[in-house]
Amino acid sequence: MSGNMSDLLRQATRMQKDMKRVGDELRERFVEAEAGGGLVEVVFNGQQELMKIALNPKVFGDKVDSDDLEAIEDLIVVAISQGLEKSRALMKEEMDKATGGLSGALPGMF
């Protein structure tokens, strides 16, 4: 029986290392999406983190210069990232309540 347990522990350790490696790799991979025929473009990494928003100047007409546009794009990224972080914290808090704190034992699940 102890052989089965040690095999299980080795397998769990290997799986944990593999999950960390994949997570690290996903941080360096990116996907792009657009809306409005290219008026808005976004870039996310493989860990679902918003990396960039690009707004086509046509969205604003002549009302915004390129420096202001870049600042607006950066502010939108920060606001969305903070919102997602707060949302994840709320979800974790509620899942911890529901599971008696076991959600932390299941990384990536919540």
PDB file of N, CA and C in Angstrom:
ATOM      1  N   MET A   1       0.820  -1.191   0.000  1.00  0.00           N
ATOM      2  CA  MET A   1       0.000   0.000   0.000  1.00  0.00           C
ATOM      3  C   MET A   1       0.861   1.249   0.000  1.00  0.00           C
ATOM      4  N   SER A   2       2.011   1.232   0.735  1.00  0.00           N
ATOM      5  CA  SER A   2       2.854   2.425   0.805  1.00  0.00           C
ATOM      6  C   SER A   2       3.487   2.722  -0.556  1.00  0.00           C
ATOM      7  N   GLY A   3       3.704   1.690  -1.375  1.00  0.00           N
ATOM      8  CA  GLY A   3       4.228   1.906  -2.725  1.00  0.00           C
ATOM      9  C   GLY A   3       3.256   2.695  -3.568  1.00  0.00           C
ATOM     10  N   ASN A   4       1.980   2.371  -3.458  1.00  0.00           N
ATOM     11  CA  ASN A   4       0.955   3.110  -4.192  1.00  0.00           C
ATOM     12  C   ASN A   4       0.897   4.566  -3.754  1.00  0.00           C
ATOM     13  N   MET A   5       1.056   4.796  -2.447  1.00  0.00           N
ATOM     14  CA  MET A   5       0.999   6.160  -1.930  1.00  0.00           C
ATOM     15  C   MET A   5       2.192   6.974  -2.423  1.00  0.00           C
ATOM     16  N   SER A   6       3.378   6.373  -2.414  1.00  0.00           N
ATOM     17  CA  SER A   6       4.550   7.113  -2.874  1.00  0.00           C
ATOM     18  C   SER A   6       4.469   7.370  -4.385  1.00  0.00           C
ATOM     19  N   ASP A   7       3.915   6.410  -5.137  1.00  0.00           N
ATOM     20  CA  ASP A   7       3.698   6.639  -6.575  1.00  0.00           C
ATOM     21  C   ASP A   7       2.730   7.796  -6.795  1.00  0.00           C
ATOM     22  N   LEU A   8       1.686   7.827  -5.997  1.00  0.00           N
ATOM     23  CA  LEU A   8       0.694   8.891  -6.099  1.00  0.00           C
ATOM     24  C   LEU A   8       1.319  10.242  -5.765  1.00  0.00           C
ATOM     25  N   LEU A   9       2.147  10.295  -4.733  1.00  0.00           N
ATOM     26  CA  LEU A   9       2.818  11.538  -4.365  1.00  0.00           C
ATOM     27  C   LEU A   9       3.786  11.996  -5.448  1.00  0.00           C
ATOM     28  N   ARG A  10       4.524  11.056  -6.050  1.00  0.00           N
ATOM     29  CA  ARG A  10       5.439  11.399  -7.148  1.00  0.00           C
ATOM     30  C   ARG A  10       4.662  11.954  -8.334  1.00  0.00           C
ATOM     31  N   GLN A  11       3.561  11.302  -8.630  1.00  0.00           N
ATOM     32  CA  GLN A  11       2.724  11.744  -9.750  1.00  0.00           C
ATOM     33  C   GLN A  11       2.155  13.145  -9.474  1.00  0.00           C
ATOM     34  N   ALA A  12       1.713  13.396  -8.251  1.00  0.00           N
ATOM     35  CA  ALA A  12       1.171  14.707  -7.892  1.00  0.00           C
ATOM     36  C   ALA A  12       2.255  15.775  -7.972  1.00  0.00           C
ATOM     37  N   THR A  13       3.459  15.461  -7.526  1.00  0.00           N
ATOM     38  CA  THR A  13       4.575  16.404  -7.600  1.00  0.00           C
ATOM     39  C   THR A  13       4.919  16.712  -9.046  1.00  0.00           C
ATOM     40  N   ARG A  14       4.952  15.704  -9.877  1.00  0.00           N
ATOM     41  CA  ARG A  14       5.243  15.894 -11.304  1.00  0.00           C
ATOM     42  C   ARG A  14       4.157  16.752 -11.952  1.00  0.00           C
ATOM     43  N   MET A  15       2.911  16.464 -11.600  1.00  0.00           N
ATOM     44  CA  MET A  15       1.798  17.227 -12.165  1.00  0.00           C
ATOM     45  C   MET A  15       1.892  18.692 -11.735  1.00  0.00           C
ATOM     46  N   GLN A  16       2.248  18.926 -10.485  1.00  0.00           N
ATOM     47  CA  GLN A  16       2.373  20.287  -9.983  1.00  0.00           C
ATOM     48  C   GLN A  16       3.478  21.035 -10.736  1.00  0.00           C
ATOM     49  N   LYS A  17       4.610  20.384 -10.986  1.00  0.00           N
ATOM     50  CA  LYS A  17       5.705  20.997 -11.746  1.00  0.00           C
ATOM     51  C   LYS A  17       5.270  21.288 -13.174  1.00  0.00           C
ATOM     52  N   ASP A  18       4.543  20.335 -13.775  1.00  0.00           N
ATOM     53  CA  ASP A  18       4.055  20.537 -15.145  1.00  0.00           C
ATOM     54  C   ASP A  18       3.085  21.706 -15.217  1.00  0.00           C
ATOM     55  N   MET A  19       2.211  21.819 -14.224  1.00  0.00           N
ATOM     56  CA  MET A  19       1.254  22.911 -14.204  1.00  0.00           C
ATOM     57  C   MET A  19       1.964  24.258 -14.068  1.00  0.00           C
ATOM     58  N   LYS A  20       2.996  24.321 -13.249  1.00  0.00           N
ATOM     59  CA  LYS A  20       3.761  25.559 -13.106  1.00  0.00           C
ATOM     60  C   LYS A  20       4.463  25.909 -14.408  1.00  0.00           C
ATOM     61  N   ARG A  21       5.053  24.916 -15.058  1.00  0.00           N
ATOM     62  CA  ARG A  21       5.750  25.152 -16.328  1.00  0.00           C
ATOM     63  C   ARG A  21       4.793  25.680 -17.385  1.00  0.00           C
ATOM     64  N   VAL A  22       3.635  25.038 -17.487  1.00  0.00           N
ATOM     65  CA  VAL A  22       2.645  25.474 -18.475  1.00  0.00           C
ATOM     66  C   VAL A  22       2.163  26.889 -18.147  1.00  0.00           C
ATOM     67  N   GLY A  23       1.931  27.166 -16.864  1.00  0.00           N
ATOM     68  CA  GLY A  23       1.517  28.511 -16.466  1.00  0.00           C
ATOM     69  C   GLY A  23       2.544  29.559 -16.848  1.00  0.00           C
ATOM     70  N   ASP A  24       3.819  29.235 -16.631  1.00  0.00           N
ATOM     71  CA  ASP A  24       4.899  30.164 -17.008  1.00  0.00           C
ATOM     72  C   ASP A  24       4.939  30.366 -18.517  1.00  0.00           C
ATOM     73  N   GLU A  25       4.755  29.282 -19.257  1.00  0.00           N
ATOM     74  CA  GLU A  25       4.762  29.383 -20.723  1.00  0.00           C
ATOM     75  C   GLU A  25       3.576  30.217 -21.219  1.00  0.00           C
ATOM     76  N   LEU A  26       2.420  30.041 -20.596  1.00  0.00           N
ATOM     77  CA  LEU A  26       1.231  30.775 -21.026  1.00  0.00           C
ATOM     78  C   LEU A  26       1.361  32.278 -20.787  1.00  0.00           C
ATOM     79  N   ARG A  27       2.177  32.656 -19.803  1.00  0.00           N
ATOM     80  CA  ARG A  27       2.404  34.074 -19.540  1.00  0.00           C
ATOM     81  C   ARG A  27       3.076  34.746 -20.736  1.00  0.00           C
ATOM     82  N   GLU A  28       3.809  33.963 -21.522  1.00  0.00           N
ATOM     83  CA  GLU A  28       4.568  34.488 -22.661  1.00  0.00           C
ATOM     84  C   GLU A  28       3.874  34.278 -24.005  1.00  0.00           C
ATOM     85  N   ARG A  29       2.686  33.714 -24.002  1.00  0.00           N
ATOM     86  CA  ARG A  29       1.921  33.521 -25.247  1.00  0.00           C
ATOM     87  C   ARG A  29       0.761  34.498 -25.270  1.00  0.00           C
ATOM     88  N   PHE A  30       0.416  34.974 -26.470  1.00  0.00           N
ATOM     89  CA  PHE A  30      -0.564  36.041 -26.582  1.00  0.00           C
ATOM     90  C   PHE A  30      -1.624  35.718 -27.627  1.00  0.00           C
ATOM     91  N   VAL A  31      -2.812  36.235 -27.388  1.00  0.00           N
ATOM     92  CA  VAL A  31      -3.908  36.162 -28.355  1.00  0.00           C
ATOM     93  C   VAL A  31      -4.434  37.574 -28.564  1.00  0.00           C
ATOM     94  N   GLU A  32      -4.916  37.819 -29.775  1.00  0.00           N
ATOM     95  CA  GLU A  32      -5.457  39.131 -30.113  1.00  0.00           C
ATOM     96  C   GLU A  32      -6.910  38.972 -30.550  1.00  0.00           C
ATOM     97  N   ALA A  33      -7.689  40.005 -30.293  1.00  0.00           N
ATOM     98  CA  ALA A  33      -9.079  40.034 -30.740  1.00  0.00           C
ATOM     99  C   ALA A  33      -9.409  41.470 -31.113  1.00  0.00           C
ATOM    100  N   GLU A  34     -10.407  41.610 -31.979  1.00  0.00           N
ATOM    101  CA  GLU A  34     -10.811  42.960 -32.372  1.00  0.00           C
ATOM    102  C   GLU A  34     -12.319  43.045 -32.454  1.00  0.00           C
ATOM    103  N   ALA A  35     -12.791  44.280 -32.395  1.00  0.00           N
ATOM    104  CA  ALA A  35     -14.232  44.538 -32.510  1.00  0.00           C
ATOM    105  C   ALA A  35     -14.417  45.810 -33.332  1.00  0.00           C
ATOM    106  N   GLY A  36     -15.600  45.936 -33.886  1.00  0.00           N
ATOM    107  CA  GLY A  36     -15.916  47.138 -34.648  1.00  0.00           C
ATOM    108  C   GLY A  36     -15.085  47.274 -35.904  1.00  0.00           C
ATOM    109  N   GLY A  37     -14.796  46.140 -36.540  1.00  0.00           N
ATOM    110  CA  GLY A  37     -14.000  46.205 -37.758  1.00  0.00           C
ATOM    111  C   GLY A  37     -12.598  46.739 -37.533  1.00  0.00           C
ATOM    112  N   GLY A  38     -12.050  46.475 -36.358  1.00  0.00           N
ATOM    113  CA  GLY A  38     -10.690  46.913 -36.054  1.00  0.00           C
ATOM    114  C   GLY A  38     -10.621  48.232 -35.298  1.00  0.00           C
ATOM    115  N   LEU A  39     -11.756  48.777 -34.909  1.00  0.00           N
ATOM    116  CA  LEU A  39     -11.740  50.028 -34.145  1.00  0.00           C
ATOM    117  C   LEU A  39     -11.168  49.825 -32.744  1.00  0.00           C
ATOM    118  N   VAL A  40     -11.385  48.626 -32.198  1.00  0.00           N
ATOM    119  CA  VAL A  40     -10.842  48.290 -30.887  1.00  0.00           C
ATOM    120  C   VAL A  40     -10.129  46.948 -31.006  1.00  0.00           C
ATOM    121  N   GLU A  41      -8.878  46.922 -30.567  1.00  0.00           N
ATOM    122  CA  GLU A  41      -8.101  45.681 -30.550  1.00  0.00           C
ATOM    123  C   GLU A  41      -7.586  45.448 -29.140  1.00  0.00           C
ATOM    124  N   VAL A  42      -7.577  44.183 -28.728  1.00  0.00           N
ATOM    125  CA  VAL A  42      -7.076  43.819 -27.403  1.00  0.00           C
ATOM    126  C   VAL A  42      -6.080  42.667 -27.533  1.00  0.00           C
ATOM    127  N   VAL A  43      -5.164  42.621 -26.574  1.00  0.00           N
ATOM    128  CA  VAL A  43      -4.183  41.538 -26.504  1.00  0.00           C
ATOM    129  C   VAL A  43      -4.206  40.985 -25.082  1.00  0.00           C
ATOM    130  N   PHE A  44      -4.360  39.672 -24.977  1.00  0.00           N
ATOM    131  CA  PHE A  44      -4.312  38.972 -23.699  1.00  0.00           C
ATOM    132  C   PHE A  44      -3.165  37.975 -23.733  1.00  0.00           C
ATOM    133  N   ASN A  45      -2.583  37.701 -22.563  1.00  0.00           N
ATOM    134  CA  ASN A  45      -1.633  36.593 -22.517  1.00  0.00           C
ATOM    135  C   ASN A  45      -2.396  35.313 -22.198  1.00  0.00           C
ATOM    136  N   GLY A  46      -1.700  34.191 -22.202  1.00  0.00           N
ATOM    137  CA  GLY A  46      -2.336  32.902 -21.987  1.00  0.00           C
ATOM    138  C   GLY A  46      -2.827  32.678 -20.574  1.00  0.00           C
ATOM    139  N   GLN A  47      -2.551  33.627 -19.672  1.00  0.00           N
ATOM    140  CA  GLN A  47      -3.077  33.535 -18.316  1.00  0.00           C
ATOM    141  C   GLN A  47      -4.271  34.466 -18.125  1.00  0.00           C
ATOM    142  N   GLN A  48      -4.859  34.853 -19.242  1.00  0.00           N
ATOM    143  CA  GLN A  48      -6.067  35.683 -19.266  1.00  0.00           C
ATOM    144  C   GLN A  48      -5.846  37.060 -18.652  1.00  0.00           C
ATOM    145  N   GLU A  49      -4.621  37.568 -18.784  1.00  0.00           N
ATOM    146  CA  GLU A  49      -4.315  38.918 -18.325  1.00  0.00           C
ATOM    147  C   GLU A  49      -4.350  39.855 -19.523  1.00  0.00           C
ATOM    148  N   LEU A  50      -5.069  40.962 -19.379  1.00  0.00           N
ATOM    149  CA  LEU A  50      -5.154  41.952 -20.438  1.00  0.00           C
ATOM    150  C   LEU A  50      -3.824  42.681 -20.529  1.00  0.00           C
ATOM    151  N   MET A  51      -3.202  42.626 -21.681  1.00  0.00           N
ATOM    152  CA  MET A  51      -1.888  43.229 -21.866  1.00  0.00           C
ATOM    153  C   MET A  51      -1.959  44.574 -22.587  1.00  0.00           C
ATOM    154  N   LYS A  52      -2.913  44.704 -23.513  1.00  0.00           N
ATOM    155  CA  LYS A  52      -2.944  45.915 -24.321  1.00  0.00           C
ATOM    156  C   LYS A  52      -4.330  46.120 -24.909  1.00  0.00           C
ATOM    157  N   ILE A  53      -4.703  47.394 -25.010  1.00  0.00           N
ATOM    158  CA  ILE A  53      -5.888  47.808 -25.749  1.00  0.00           C
ATOM    159  C   ILE A  53      -5.418  48.849 -26.754  1.00  0.00           C
ATOM    160  N   ALA A  54      -5.853  48.716 -27.981  1.00  0.00           N
ATOM    161  CA  ALA A  54      -5.539  49.713 -29.004  1.00  0.00           C
ATOM    162  C   ALA A  54      -6.852  50.236 -29.575  1.00  0.00           C
ATOM    163  N   LEU A  55      -7.047  51.541 -29.465  1.00  0.00           N
ATOM    164  CA  LEU A  55      -8.237  52.190 -29.999  1.00  0.00           C
ATOM    165  C   LEU A  55      -7.860  52.906 -31.278  1.00  0.00           C
ATOM    166  N   ASN A  56      -8.589  52.651 -32.337  1.00  0.00           N
ATOM    167  CA  ASN A  56      -8.350  53.346 -33.594  1.00  0.00           C
ATOM    168  C   ASN A  56      -8.743  54.812 -33.410  1.00  0.00           C
ATOM    169  N   PRO A  57      -7.888  55.741 -33.819  1.00  0.00           N
ATOM    170  CA  PRO A  57      -8.207  57.162 -33.651  1.00  0.00           C
ATOM    171  C   PRO A  57      -9.539  57.570 -34.276  1.00  0.00           C
ATOM    172  N   LYS A  58     -10.031  56.800 -35.236  1.00  0.00           N
ATOM    173  CA  LYS A  58     -11.319  57.113 -35.860  1.00  0.00           C
ATOM    174  C   LYS A  58     -12.463  57.089 -34.845  1.00  0.00           C
ATOM    175  N   VAL A  59     -12.272  56.355 -33.745  1.00  0.00           N
ATOM    176  CA  VAL A  59     -13.302  56.267 -32.710  1.00  0.00           C
ATOM    177  C   VAL A  59     -13.609  57.659 -32.160  1.00  0.00           C
ATOM    178  N   PHE A  60     -12.579  58.506 -32.058  1.00  0.00           N
ATOM    179  CA  PHE A  60     -12.729  59.813 -31.441  1.00  0.00           C
ATOM    180  C   PHE A  60     -12.781  60.961 -32.441  1.00  0.00           C
ATOM    181  N   GLY A  61     -12.587  60.668 -33.692  1.00  0.00           N
ATOM    182  CA  GLY A  61     -12.557  61.738 -34.685  1.00  0.00           C
ATOM    183  C   GLY A  61     -11.345  62.614 -34.455  1.00  0.00           C
ATOM    184  N   ASP A  62     -11.527  63.921 -34.509  1.00  0.00           N
ATOM    185  CA  ASP A  62     -10.421  64.865 -34.324  1.00  0.00           C
ATOM    186  C   ASP A  62     -10.271  65.307 -32.878  1.00  0.00           C
ATOM    187  N   LYS A  63     -10.984  64.697 -31.961  1.00  0.00           N
ATOM    188  CA  LYS A  63     -11.053  65.199 -30.592  1.00  0.00           C
ATOM    189  C   LYS A  63      -9.906  64.754 -29.698  1.00  0.00           C
ATOM    190  N   VAL A  64      -9.099  63.774 -30.101  1.00  0.00           N
ATOM    191  CA  VAL A  64      -8.040  63.252 -29.246  1.00  0.00           C
ATOM    192  C   VAL A  64      -6.756  63.118 -30.055  1.00  0.00           C
ATOM    193  N   ASP A  65      -5.639  63.629 -29.495  1.00  0.00           N
ATOM    194  CA  ASP A  65      -4.369  63.435 -30.194  1.00  0.00           C
ATOM    195  C   ASP A  65      -3.750  62.108 -29.783  1.00  0.00           C
ATOM    196  N   SER A  66      -2.690  61.709 -30.456  1.00  0.00           N
ATOM    197  CA  SER A  66      -2.139  60.358 -30.266  1.00  0.00           C
ATOM    198  C   SER A  66      -1.603  60.133 -28.853  1.00  0.00           C
ATOM    199  N   ASP A  67      -1.009  61.166 -28.220  1.00  0.00           N
ATOM    200  CA  ASP A  67      -0.520  60.999 -26.844  1.00  0.00           C
ATOM    201  C   ASP A  67      -1.675  60.763 -25.879  1.00  0.00           C
ATOM    202  N   ASP A  68      -2.757  61.519 -26.046  1.00  0.00           N
ATOM    203  CA  ASP A  68      -3.929  61.328 -25.199  1.00  0.00           C
ATOM    204  C   ASP A  68      -4.543  59.954 -25.426  1.00  0.00           C
ATOM    205  N   LEU A  69      -4.567  59.522 -26.670  1.00  0.00           N
ATOM    206  CA  LEU A  69      -5.131  58.217 -26.994  1.00  0.00           C
ATOM    207  C   LEU A  69      -4.361  57.106 -26.294  1.00  0.00           C
ATOM    208  N   GLU A  70      -3.037  57.196 -26.310  1.00  0.00           N
ATOM    209  CA  GLU A  70      -2.214  56.193 -25.639  1.00  0.00           C
ATOM    210  C   GLU A  70      -2.472  56.195 -24.132  1.00  0.00           C
ATOM    211  N   ALA A  71      -2.624  57.366 -23.543  1.00  0.00           N
ATOM    212  CA  ALA A  71      -2.919  57.458 -22.109  1.00  0.00           C
ATOM    213  C   ALA A  71      -4.281  56.846 -21.800  1.00  0.00           C
ATOM    214  N   ILE A  72      -5.264  57.105 -22.649  1.00  0.00           N
ATOM    215  CA  ILE A  72      -6.602  56.531 -22.462  1.00  0.00           C
ATOM    216  C   ILE A  72      -6.537  55.012 -22.546  1.00  0.00           C
ATOM    217  N   GLU A  73      -5.799  54.480 -23.516  1.00  0.00           N
ATOM    218  CA  GLU A  73      -5.658  53.031 -23.665  1.00  0.00           C
ATOM    219  C   GLU A  73      -5.036  52.428 -22.411  1.00  0.00           C
ATOM    220  N   ASP A  74      -3.983  53.066 -21.887  1.00  0.00           N
ATOM    221  CA  ASP A  74      -3.323  52.566 -20.678  1.00  0.00           C
ATOM    222  C   ASP A  74      -4.267  52.593 -19.476  1.00  0.00           C
ATOM    223  N   LEU A  75      -5.040  53.661 -19.345  1.00  0.00           N
ATOM    224  CA  LEU A  75      -5.987  53.762 -18.230  1.00  0.00           C
ATOM    225  C   LEU A  75      -7.063  52.682 -18.307  1.00  0.00           C
ATOM    226  N   ILE A  76      -7.515  52.380 -19.503  1.00  0.00           N
ATOM    227  CA  ILE A  76      -8.521  51.331 -19.674  1.00  0.00           C
ATOM    228  C   ILE A  76      -7.942  49.973 -19.263  1.00  0.00           C
ATOM    229  N   VAL A  77      -6.701  49.693 -19.674  1.00  0.00           N
ATOM    230  CA  VAL A  77      -6.055  48.430 -19.296  1.00  0.00           C
ATOM    231  C   VAL A  77      -5.960  48.321 -17.784  1.00  0.00           C
ATOM    232  N   VAL A  78      -5.528  49.386 -17.121  1.00  0.00           N
ATOM    233  CA  VAL A  78      -5.391  49.370 -15.663  1.00  0.00           C
ATOM    234  C   VAL A  78      -6.748  49.150 -14.995  1.00  0.00           C
ATOM    235  N   ALA A  79      -7.767  49.878 -15.452  1.00  0.00           N
ATOM    236  CA  ALA A  79      -9.096  49.745 -14.838  1.00  0.00           C
ATOM    237  C   ALA A  79      -9.657  48.332 -14.995  1.00  0.00           C
ATOM    238  N   ILE A  80      -9.530  47.772 -16.182  1.00  0.00           N
ATOM    239  CA  ILE A  80     -10.046  46.418 -16.415  1.00  0.00           C
ATOM    240  C   ILE A  80      -9.253  45.401 -15.593  1.00  0.00           C
ATOM    241  N   SER A  81      -7.937  45.553 -15.547  1.00  0.00           N
ATOM    242  CA  SER A  81      -7.100  44.625 -14.780  1.00  0.00           C
ATOM    243  C   SER A  81      -7.452  44.674 -13.299  1.00  0.00           C
ATOM    244  N   GLN A  82      -7.659  45.877 -12.762  1.00  0.00           N
ATOM    245  CA  GLN A  82      -8.042  46.000 -11.350  1.00  0.00           C
ATOM    246  C   GLN A  82      -9.421  45.393 -11.102  1.00  0.00           C
ATOM    247  N   GLY A  83     -10.330  45.605 -12.041  1.00  0.00           N
ATOM    248  CA  GLY A  83     -11.661  45.011 -11.907  1.00  0.00           C
ATOM    249  C   GLY A  83     -11.614  43.497 -11.898  1.00  0.00           C
ATOM    250  N   LEU A  84     -10.816  42.924 -12.797  1.00  0.00           N
ATOM    251  CA  LEU A  84     -10.685  41.464 -12.834  1.00  0.00           C
ATOM    252  C   LEU A  84     -10.057  40.934 -11.550  1.00  0.00           C
ATOM    253  N   GLU A  85      -9.051  41.636 -11.045  1.00  0.00           N
ATOM    254  CA  GLU A  85      -8.394  41.216  -9.804  1.00  0.00           C
ATOM    255  C   GLU A  85      -9.385  41.232  -8.635  1.00  0.00           C
ATOM    256  N   LYS A  86     -10.175  42.290  -8.547  1.00  0.00           N
ATOM    257  CA  LYS A  86     -11.178  42.376  -7.480  1.00  0.00           C
ATOM    258  C   LYS A  86     -12.241  41.295  -7.637  1.00  0.00           C
ATOM    259  N   SER A  87     -12.622  41.013  -8.873  1.00  0.00           N
ATOM    260  CA  SER A  87     -13.606  39.972  -9.138  1.00  0.00           C
ATOM    261  C   SER A  87     -13.078  38.601  -8.714  1.00  0.00           C
ATOM    262  N   ARG A  88     -11.814  38.326  -9.031  1.00  0.00           N
ATOM    263  CA  ARG A  88     -11.201  37.047  -8.636  1.00  0.00           C
ATOM    264  C   ARG A  88     -11.124  36.927  -7.115  1.00  0.00           C
ATOM    265  N   ALA A  89     -10.773  38.039  -6.438  1.00  0.00           N
ATOM    266  CA  ALA A  89     -10.692  38.027  -4.977  1.00  0.00           C
ATOM    267  C   ALA A  89     -12.062  37.757  -4.368  1.00  0.00           C
ATOM    268  N   LEU A  90     -13.106  38.382  -4.916  1.00  0.00           N
ATOM    269  CA  LEU A  90     -14.469  38.144  -4.443  1.00  0.00           C
ATOM    270  C   LEU A  90     -14.863  36.686  -4.640  1.00  0.00           C
ATOM    271  N   MET A  91     -14.545  36.138  -5.823  1.00  0.00           N
ATOM    272  CA  MET A  91     -14.883  34.748  -6.103  1.00  0.00           C
ATOM    273  C   MET A  91     -14.160  33.824  -5.127  1.00  0.00           C
ATOM    274  N   LYS A  92     -12.860  34.070  -4.893  1.00  0.00           N
ATOM    275  CA  LYS A  92     -12.096  33.231  -3.977  1.00  0.00           C
ATOM    276  C   LYS A  92     -12.671  33.319  -2.563  1.00  0.00           C
ATOM    277  N   GLU A  93     -13.006  34.532  -2.134  1.00  0.00           N
ATOM    278  CA  GLU A  93     -13.570  34.722  -0.804  1.00  0.00           C
ATOM    279  C   GLU A  93     -14.864  33.925  -0.642  1.00  0.00           C
ATOM    280  N   GLU A  94     -15.731  34.002  -1.631  1.00  0.00           N
ATOM    281  CA  GLU A  94     -17.006  33.289  -1.550  1.00  0.00           C
ATOM    282  C   GLU A  94     -16.810  31.777  -1.657  1.00  0.00           C
ATOM    283  N   MET A  95     -15.869  31.347  -2.492  1.00  0.00           N
ATOM    284  CA  MET A  95     -15.598  29.906  -2.606  1.00  0.00           C
ATOM    285  C   MET A  95     -14.973  29.370  -1.325  1.00  0.00           C
ATOM    286  N   ASP A  96     -14.116  30.173  -0.684  1.00  0.00           N
ATOM    287  CA  ASP A  96     -13.553  29.760   0.600  1.00  0.00           C
ATOM    288  C   ASP A  96     -14.653  29.567   1.637  1.00  0.00           C
ATOM    289  N   LYS A  97     -15.635  30.477   1.627  1.00  0.00           N
ATOM    290  CA  LYS A  97     -16.762  30.332   2.550  1.00  0.00           C
ATOM    291  C   LYS A  97     -17.535  29.048   2.258  1.00  0.00           C
ATOM    292  N   ALA A  98     -17.770  28.793   0.976  1.00  0.00           N
ATOM    293  CA  ALA A  98     -18.581  27.637   0.582  1.00  0.00           C
ATOM    294  C   ALA A  98     -17.863  26.314   0.808  1.00  0.00           C
ATOM    295  N   THR A  99     -16.526  26.330   0.694  1.00  0.00           N
ATOM    296  CA  THR A  99     -15.768  25.075   0.801  1.00  0.00           C
ATOM    297  C   THR A  99     -15.045  24.938   2.131  1.00  0.00           C
ATOM    298  N   GLY A 100     -15.273  25.871   3.037  1.00  0.00           N
ATOM    299  CA  GLY A 100     -14.576  25.810   4.317  1.00  0.00           C
ATOM    300  C   GLY A 100     -13.081  26.021   4.161  1.00  0.00           C
ATOM    301  N   GLY A 101     -12.685  26.795   3.171  1.00  0.00           N
ATOM    302  CA  GLY A 101     -11.274  27.108   2.950  1.00  0.00           C
ATOM    303  C   GLY A 101     -10.541  26.126   2.066  1.00  0.00           C
ATOM    304  N   LEU A 102     -11.234  25.107   1.565  1.00  0.00           N
ATOM    305  CA  LEU A 102     -10.578  24.103   0.734  1.00  0.00           C
ATOM    306  C   LEU A 102     -10.278  24.588  -0.668  1.00  0.00           C
ATOM    307  N   SER A 103     -10.853  25.710  -1.092  1.00  0.00           N
ATOM    308  CA  SER A 103     -10.604  26.158  -2.468  1.00  0.00           C
ATOM    309  C   SER A 103      -9.136  26.463  -2.699  1.00  0.00           C
ATOM    310  N   GLY A 104      -8.405  26.857  -1.643  1.00  0.00           N
ATOM    311  CA  GLY A 104      -6.966  27.100  -1.772  1.00  0.00           C
ATOM    312  C   GLY A 104      -6.185  25.830  -2.036  1.00  0.00           C
ATOM    313  N   ALA A 105      -6.748  24.689  -1.680  1.00  0.00           N
ATOM    314  CA  ALA A 105      -6.076  23.401  -1.902  1.00  0.00           C
ATOM    315  C   ALA A 105      -6.257  22.929  -3.341  1.00  0.00           C
ATOM    316  N   LEU A 106      -7.089  23.630  -4.106  1.00  0.00           N
ATOM    317  CA  LEU A 106      -7.362  23.260  -5.479  1.00  0.00           C
ATOM    318  C   LEU A 106      -6.938  24.397  -6.406  1.00  0.00           C
ATOM    319  N   PRO A 107      -5.623  24.639  -6.571  1.00  0.00           N
ATOM    320  CA  PRO A 107      -5.165  25.771  -7.348  1.00  0.00           C
ATOM    321  C   PRO A 107      -5.711  25.731  -8.773  1.00  0.00           C
ATOM    322  N   GLY A 108      -6.121  26.894  -9.239  1.00  0.00           N
ATOM    323  CA  GLY A 108      -6.633  27.003 -10.589  1.00  0.00           C
ATOM    324  C   GLY A 108      -8.105  26.680 -10.723  1.00  0.00           C
ATOM    325  N   MET A 109      -8.696  26.118  -9.705  1.00  0.00           N
ATOM    326  CA  MET A 109     -10.104  25.756  -9.784  1.00  0.00           C
ATOM    327  C   MET A 109     -10.995  26.979  -9.574  1.00  0.00           C
ATOM    328  N   PHE A 110     -10.552  27.894  -8.703  1.00  0.00           N
ATOM    329  CA  PHE A 110     -11.394  29.049  -8.366  1.00  0.00           C
ATOM    330  C   PHE A 110     -10.556  30.302  -8.401  1.00  0.00           C
TER     331      PHE A 110
END
